[in-house]
Amino acid sequence: MAGSVGKSQPFAAPPPMVAVPALQIQSFVPSTWSTGLCDCFSDCGNCCVTCWCSCITFGQVAEIVDKGSTSCGTSAAIYVLILYLTGCAHAYSRRYRTKMRAQYMIPGNLCQDIAVHCCCELCSLCQMHRELKHRGFNMSLGYHGSVERQYPTPATVAPSYVGAMTR
């Protein structure tokens, strides 16, 4: 004990780091579409973008449905390439509707997805875009930007100073 008198520890231990969970984009509770197929004008901005340049809307949807593994630009470029070479971009975008329904347990089947994308491609893209916005994604930030916005990286905290011990 005598040897410990006068010795002090000037710094307290830093607080432990806490792991932050990743954005949950998969639902385990069956749900339905938050908006109808023909509710395009509930988001007029997206409706106009989709009408004049559907590849942008598709790229944004694909990036988020793929959880950021493909970029908006890459998906949009593939969509345009398929559209101009074959005229069947709806077959490509239909895959993302099916994938999105599976992620969020939205009822439907492959035949319905094919029919919707063949007959109402633009309405379907708008509905998918609105659904992801409804689920908390910021479409202009993309997948990674939405994750960072929802779960910001905790700031590093400098250790606090503890003064000398007194009697």
C-alpha atoms as a PDB file:
ATOM      1  CA  MET A   1       0.000   0.000   0.000  1.00  0.00           C
ATOM      2  CA  ALA A   2       2.748   2.390   0.847  1.00  0.00           C
ATOM      3  CA  GLY A   3       4.195   2.039  -2.624  1.00  0.00           C
ATOM      4  CA  SER A   4       0.918   3.033  -4.257  1.00  0.00           C
ATOM      5  CA  VAL A   5       0.633   6.381  -2.489  1.00  0.00           C
ATOM      6  CA  GLY A   6       1.374   9.223  -4.840  1.00  0.00           C
ATOM      7  CA  LYS A   7       0.955   7.105  -7.958  1.00  0.00           C
ATOM      8  CA  SER A   8      -2.051   7.977 -10.028  1.00  0.00           C
ATOM      9  CA  GLN A   9      -3.389   7.116 -13.392  1.00  0.00           C
ATOM     10  CA  PRO A  10      -3.841  10.343 -15.387  1.00  0.00           C
ATOM     11  CA  PHE A  11      -6.214   8.859 -18.008  1.00  0.00           C
ATOM     12  CA  ALA A  12      -9.371   6.824 -17.641  1.00  0.00           C
ATOM     13  CA  ALA A  13      -9.954   3.923 -19.970  1.00  0.00           C
ATOM     14  CA  PRO A  14     -11.893   4.865 -23.130  1.00  0.00           C
ATOM     15  CA  PRO A  15     -15.481   3.686 -23.344  1.00  0.00           C
ATOM     16  CA  PRO A  16     -15.933   0.366 -25.166  1.00  0.00           C
ATOM     17  CA  MET A  17     -16.842   0.516 -28.841  1.00  0.00           C
ATOM     18  CA  VAL A  18     -20.321  -0.746 -29.646  1.00  0.00           C
ATOM     19  CA  ALA A  19     -21.042  -2.508 -32.919  1.00  0.00           C
ATOM     20  CA  VAL A  20     -23.783  -0.879 -34.993  1.00  0.00           C
ATOM     21  CA  PRO A  21     -26.133  -3.272 -36.827  1.00  0.00           C
ATOM     22  CA  ALA A  22     -26.397  -3.049 -40.607  1.00  0.00           C
ATOM     23  CA  LEU A  23     -29.507  -1.666 -42.292  1.00  0.00           C
ATOM     24  CA  GLN A  24     -32.169  -4.336 -42.350  1.00  0.00           C
ATOM     25  CA  ILE A  25     -33.528  -4.494 -45.874  1.00  0.00           C
ATOM     26  CA  GLN A  26     -35.096  -7.900 -45.610  1.00  0.00           C
ATOM     27  CA  SER A  27     -38.448  -8.312 -43.932  1.00  0.00           C
ATOM     28  CA  PHE A  28     -39.532 -11.403 -42.038  1.00  0.00           C
ATOM     29  CA  VAL A  29     -43.159 -10.329 -41.832  1.00  0.00           C
ATOM     30  CA  PRO A  30     -45.283 -10.636 -44.978  1.00  0.00           C
ATOM     31  CA  SER A  31     -46.307  -7.234 -46.287  1.00  0.00           C
ATOM     32  CA  THR A  32     -47.954  -5.643 -49.292  1.00  0.00           C
ATOM     33  CA  TRP A  33     -46.914  -2.889 -51.663  1.00  0.00           C
ATOM     34  CA  SER A  34     -47.119   0.454 -49.855  1.00  0.00           C
ATOM     35  CA  THR A  35     -48.634   2.084 -52.966  1.00  0.00           C
ATOM     36  CA  GLY A  36     -50.632   0.801 -55.898  1.00  0.00           C
ATOM     37  CA  LEU A  37     -49.292   0.119 -59.356  1.00  0.00           C
ATOM     38  CA  CYS A  38     -51.073   3.164 -60.814  1.00  0.00           C
ATOM     39  CA  ASP A  39     -50.208   5.606 -57.991  1.00  0.00           C
ATOM     40  CA  CYS A  40     -47.470   7.150 -60.126  1.00  0.00           C
ATOM     41  CA  PHE A  41     -48.571  10.713 -59.427  1.00  0.00           C
ATOM     42  CA  SER A  42     -48.088  10.320 -55.678  1.00  0.00           C
ATOM     43  CA  ASP A  43     -44.432  11.040 -56.522  1.00  0.00           C
ATOM     44  CA  CYS A  44     -44.596  13.326 -59.558  1.00  0.00           C
ATOM     45  CA  GLY A  45     -40.845  13.902 -59.696  1.00  0.00           C
ATOM     46  CA  ASN A  46     -40.068  10.232 -59.995  1.00  0.00           C
ATOM     47  CA  CYS A  47     -42.962   9.762 -62.411  1.00  0.00           C
ATOM     48  CA  CYS A  48     -41.457  12.353 -64.771  1.00  0.00           C
ATOM     49  CA  VAL A  49     -37.917  10.957 -64.482  1.00  0.00           C
ATOM     50  CA  THR A  50     -39.204   7.435 -65.157  1.00  0.00           C
ATOM     51  CA  CYS A  51     -41.295   8.583 -68.099  1.00  0.00           C
ATOM     52  CA  TRP A  52     -38.403  10.385 -69.829  1.00  0.00           C
ATOM     53  CA  CYS A  53     -35.419   8.336 -68.672  1.00  0.00           C
ATOM     54  CA  SER A  54     -36.500   5.060 -67.074  1.00  0.00           C
ATOM     55  CA  CYS A  55     -32.913   3.827 -66.871  1.00  0.00           C
ATOM     56  CA  ILE A  56     -32.262   6.238 -63.969  1.00  0.00           C
ATOM     57  CA  THR A  57     -35.146   4.879 -61.908  1.00  0.00           C
ATOM     58  CA  PHE A  58     -34.173   1.322 -62.754  1.00  0.00           C
ATOM     59  CA  GLY A  59     -30.535   1.961 -61.783  1.00  0.00           C
ATOM     60  CA  GLN A  60     -31.537   3.393 -58.399  1.00  0.00           C
ATOM     61  CA  VAL A  61     -33.854   0.464 -57.677  1.00  0.00           C
ATOM     62  CA  ALA A  62     -31.317  -2.142 -58.806  1.00  0.00           C
ATOM     63  CA  GLU A  63     -28.524  -0.681 -56.651  1.00  0.00           C
ATOM     64  CA  ILE A  64     -30.639  -0.922 -53.509  1.00  0.00           C
ATOM     65  CA  VAL A  65     -32.202  -4.312 -54.276  1.00  0.00           C
ATOM     66  CA  ASP A  66     -28.676  -5.655 -54.948  1.00  0.00           C
ATOM     67  CA  LYS A  67     -27.560  -4.159 -51.602  1.00  0.00           C
ATOM     68  CA  GLY A  68     -24.958  -1.970 -53.272  1.00  0.00           C
ATOM     69  CA  SER A  69     -23.148  -4.756 -55.128  1.00  0.00           C
ATOM     70  CA  THR A  70     -23.899  -3.012 -58.434  1.00  0.00           C
ATOM     71  CA  SER A  71     -23.905   0.724 -58.940  1.00  0.00           C
ATOM     72  CA  CYS A  72     -26.800   2.778 -60.222  1.00  0.00           C
ATOM     73  CA  GLY A  73     -24.801   3.743 -63.324  1.00  0.00           C
ATOM     74  CA  THR A  74     -23.841   0.182 -64.185  1.00  0.00           C
ATOM     75  CA  SER A  75     -27.403  -1.103 -63.817  1.00  0.00           C
ATOM     76  CA  ALA A  76     -28.779   1.818 -65.831  1.00  0.00           C
ATOM     77  CA  ALA A  77     -26.233   1.218 -68.604  1.00  0.00           C
ATOM     78  CA  ILE A  78     -27.121  -2.479 -68.819  1.00  0.00           C
ATOM     79  CA  TYR A  79     -30.829  -1.568 -68.904  1.00  0.00           C
ATOM     80  CA  VAL A  80     -30.275   0.884 -71.789  1.00  0.00           C
ATOM     81  CA  LEU A  81     -28.086  -1.573 -73.666  1.00  0.00           C
ATOM     82  CA  ILE A  82     -30.724  -4.309 -73.416  1.00  0.00           C
ATOM     83  CA  LEU A  83     -33.463  -1.843 -74.330  1.00  0.00           C
ATOM     84  CA  TYR A  84     -31.742  -0.634 -77.498  1.00  0.00           C
ATOM     85  CA  LEU A  85     -30.388  -4.009 -78.628  1.00  0.00           C
ATOM     86  CA  THR A  86     -33.462  -6.154 -77.979  1.00  0.00           C
ATOM     87  CA  GLY A  87     -36.296  -3.891 -76.883  1.00  0.00           C
ATOM     88  CA  CYS A  88     -36.883  -6.267 -73.956  1.00  0.00           C
ATOM     89  CA  ALA A  89     -35.562  -4.339 -70.969  1.00  0.00           C
ATOM     90  CA  HIS A  90     -38.748  -5.325 -69.155  1.00  0.00           C
ATOM     91  CA  ALA A  91     -37.395  -8.892 -68.903  1.00  0.00           C
ATOM     92  CA  TYR A  92     -34.325  -7.565 -67.067  1.00  0.00           C
ATOM     93  CA  SER A  93     -36.224  -5.210 -64.764  1.00  0.00           C
ATOM     94  CA  ARG A  94     -38.769  -7.935 -63.974  1.00  0.00           C
ATOM     95  CA  ARG A  95     -35.994  -9.890 -62.258  1.00  0.00           C
ATOM     96  CA  TYR A  96     -35.586  -7.040 -59.788  1.00  0.00           C
ATOM     97  CA  ARG A  97     -39.310  -6.917 -59.026  1.00  0.00           C
ATOM     98  CA  THR A  98     -39.226 -10.632 -58.240  1.00  0.00           C
ATOM     99  CA  LYS A  99     -36.102 -10.214 -56.110  1.00  0.00           C
ATOM    100  CA  MET A 100     -37.619  -7.243 -54.260  1.00  0.00           C
ATOM    101  CA  ARG A 101     -40.852  -9.138 -53.557  1.00  0.00           C
ATOM    102  CA  ALA A 102     -38.795 -11.981 -52.085  1.00  0.00           C
ATOM    103  CA  GLN A 103     -36.748  -9.614 -49.882  1.00  0.00           C
ATOM    104  CA  TYR A 104     -39.838  -7.936 -48.412  1.00  0.00           C
ATOM    105  CA  MET A 105     -42.161 -10.968 -48.566  1.00  0.00           C
ATOM    106  CA  ILE A 106     -44.626  -9.108 -50.779  1.00  0.00           C
ATOM    107  CA  PRO A 107     -47.242 -11.488 -52.187  1.00  0.00           C
ATOM    108  CA  GLY A 108     -47.262 -12.233 -55.894  1.00  0.00           C
ATOM    109  CA  ASN A 109     -45.751 -14.675 -58.342  1.00  0.00           C
ATOM    110  CA  LEU A 110     -43.538 -14.810 -61.404  1.00  0.00           C
ATOM    111  CA  CYS A 111     -46.466 -14.706 -63.841  1.00  0.00           C
ATOM    112  CA  GLN A 112     -47.788 -11.511 -62.265  1.00  0.00           C
ATOM    113  CA  ASP A 113     -44.317  -9.928 -62.378  1.00  0.00           C
ATOM    114  CA  ILE A 114     -43.951 -10.789 -66.063  1.00  0.00           C
ATOM    115  CA  ALA A 115     -47.409  -9.410 -66.892  1.00  0.00           C
ATOM    116  CA  VAL A 116     -46.826  -6.184 -64.943  1.00  0.00           C
ATOM    117  CA  HIS A 117     -43.460  -5.523 -66.584  1.00  0.00           C
ATOM    118  CA  CYS A 118     -44.647  -6.400 -70.083  1.00  0.00           C
ATOM    119  CA  CYS A 119     -47.763  -4.226 -69.886  1.00  0.00           C
ATOM    120  CA  CYS A 120     -46.862  -1.506 -67.367  1.00  0.00           C
ATOM    121  CA  GLU A 121     -43.065  -1.285 -67.247  1.00  0.00           C
ATOM    122  CA  LEU A 122     -42.909   2.372 -66.236  1.00  0.00           C
ATOM    123  CA  CYS A 123     -45.657   2.072 -63.613  1.00  0.00           C
ATOM    124  CA  SER A 124     -43.879  -0.937 -62.125  1.00  0.00           C
ATOM    125  CA  LEU A 125     -40.548   0.903 -61.916  1.00  0.00           C
ATOM    126  CA  CYS A 126     -42.283   3.837 -60.206  1.00  0.00           C
ATOM    127  CA  GLN A 127     -43.976   1.492 -57.730  1.00  0.00           C
ATOM    128  CA  MET A 128     -40.685  -0.222 -56.875  1.00  0.00           C
ATOM    129  CA  HIS A 129     -39.005   3.171 -56.419  1.00  0.00           C
ATOM    130  CA  ARG A 130     -41.807   4.383 -54.117  1.00  0.00           C
ATOM    131  CA  GLU A 131     -41.660   1.140 -52.115  1.00  0.00           C
ATOM    132  CA  LEU A 132     -37.955   1.524 -51.392  1.00  0.00           C
ATOM    133  CA  LYS A 133     -38.459   5.168 -50.407  1.00  0.00           C
ATOM    134  CA  HIS A 134     -41.298   4.082 -48.124  1.00  0.00           C
ATOM    135  CA  ARG A 135     -38.949   1.588 -46.486  1.00  0.00           C
ATOM    136  CA  GLY A 136     -36.496   4.352 -45.583  1.00  0.00           C
ATOM    137  CA  PHE A 137     -34.029   4.437 -48.466  1.00  0.00           C
ATOM    138  CA  ASN A 138     -32.884   7.763 -49.873  1.00  0.00           C
ATOM    139  CA  MET A 139     -32.864   6.918 -53.553  1.00  0.00           C
ATOM    140  CA  SER A 140     -30.498   9.728 -54.514  1.00  0.00           C
ATOM    141  CA  LEU A 141     -27.894   8.511 -51.984  1.00  0.00           C
ATOM    142  CA  GLY A 142     -28.073   4.884 -53.092  1.00  0.00           C
ATOM    143  CA  TYR A 143     -27.616   1.852 -50.885  1.00  0.00           C
ATOM    144  CA  HIS A 144     -24.351   2.756 -49.149  1.00  0.00           C
ATOM    145  CA  GLY A 145     -25.389   6.382 -48.596  1.00  0.00           C
ATOM    146  CA  SER A 146     -28.683   5.246 -47.062  1.00  0.00           C
ATOM    147  CA  VAL A 147     -26.881   2.819 -44.752  1.00  0.00           C
ATOM    148  CA  GLU A 148     -24.410   5.514 -43.644  1.00  0.00           C
ATOM    149  CA  ARG A 149     -27.220   7.986 -43.078  1.00  0.00           C
ATOM    150  CA  GLN A 150     -29.244   5.531 -41.007  1.00  0.00           C
ATOM    151  CA  TYR A 151     -26.288   4.165 -39.034  1.00  0.00           C
ATOM    152  CA  PRO A 152     -23.558   6.824 -38.849  1.00  0.00           C
ATOM    153  CA  THR A 153     -20.083   5.711 -37.834  1.00  0.00           C
ATOM    154  CA  PRO A 154     -19.581   6.499 -34.145  1.00  0.00           C
ATOM    155  CA  ALA A 155     -17.057   9.258 -33.560  1.00  0.00           C
ATOM    156  CA  THR A 156     -13.864   8.324 -31.765  1.00  0.00           C
ATOM    157  CA  VAL A 157     -13.887   9.811 -28.287  1.00  0.00           C
ATOM    158  CA  ALA A 158     -10.641  10.930 -26.689  1.00  0.00           C
ATOM    159  CA  PRO A 159     -10.036   9.475 -23.223  1.00  0.00           C
ATOM    160  CA  SER A 160     -11.066  11.760 -20.399  1.00  0.00           C
ATOM    161  CA  TYR A 161      -8.463  13.042 -17.952  1.00  0.00           C
ATOM    162  CA  VAL A 162      -8.764  12.034 -14.327  1.00  0.00           C
ATOM    163  CA  GLY A 163      -6.945  14.334 -11.948  1.00  0.00           C
ATOM    164  CA  ALA A 164      -4.452  13.227  -9.312  1.00  0.00           C
ATOM    165  CA  MET A 165      -5.774  11.280  -6.402  1.00  0.00           C
ATOM    166  CA  THR A 166      -6.358  13.234  -3.206  1.00  0.00           C
ATOM    167  CA  ARG A 167      -7.001  12.161   0.331  1.00  0.00           C
END
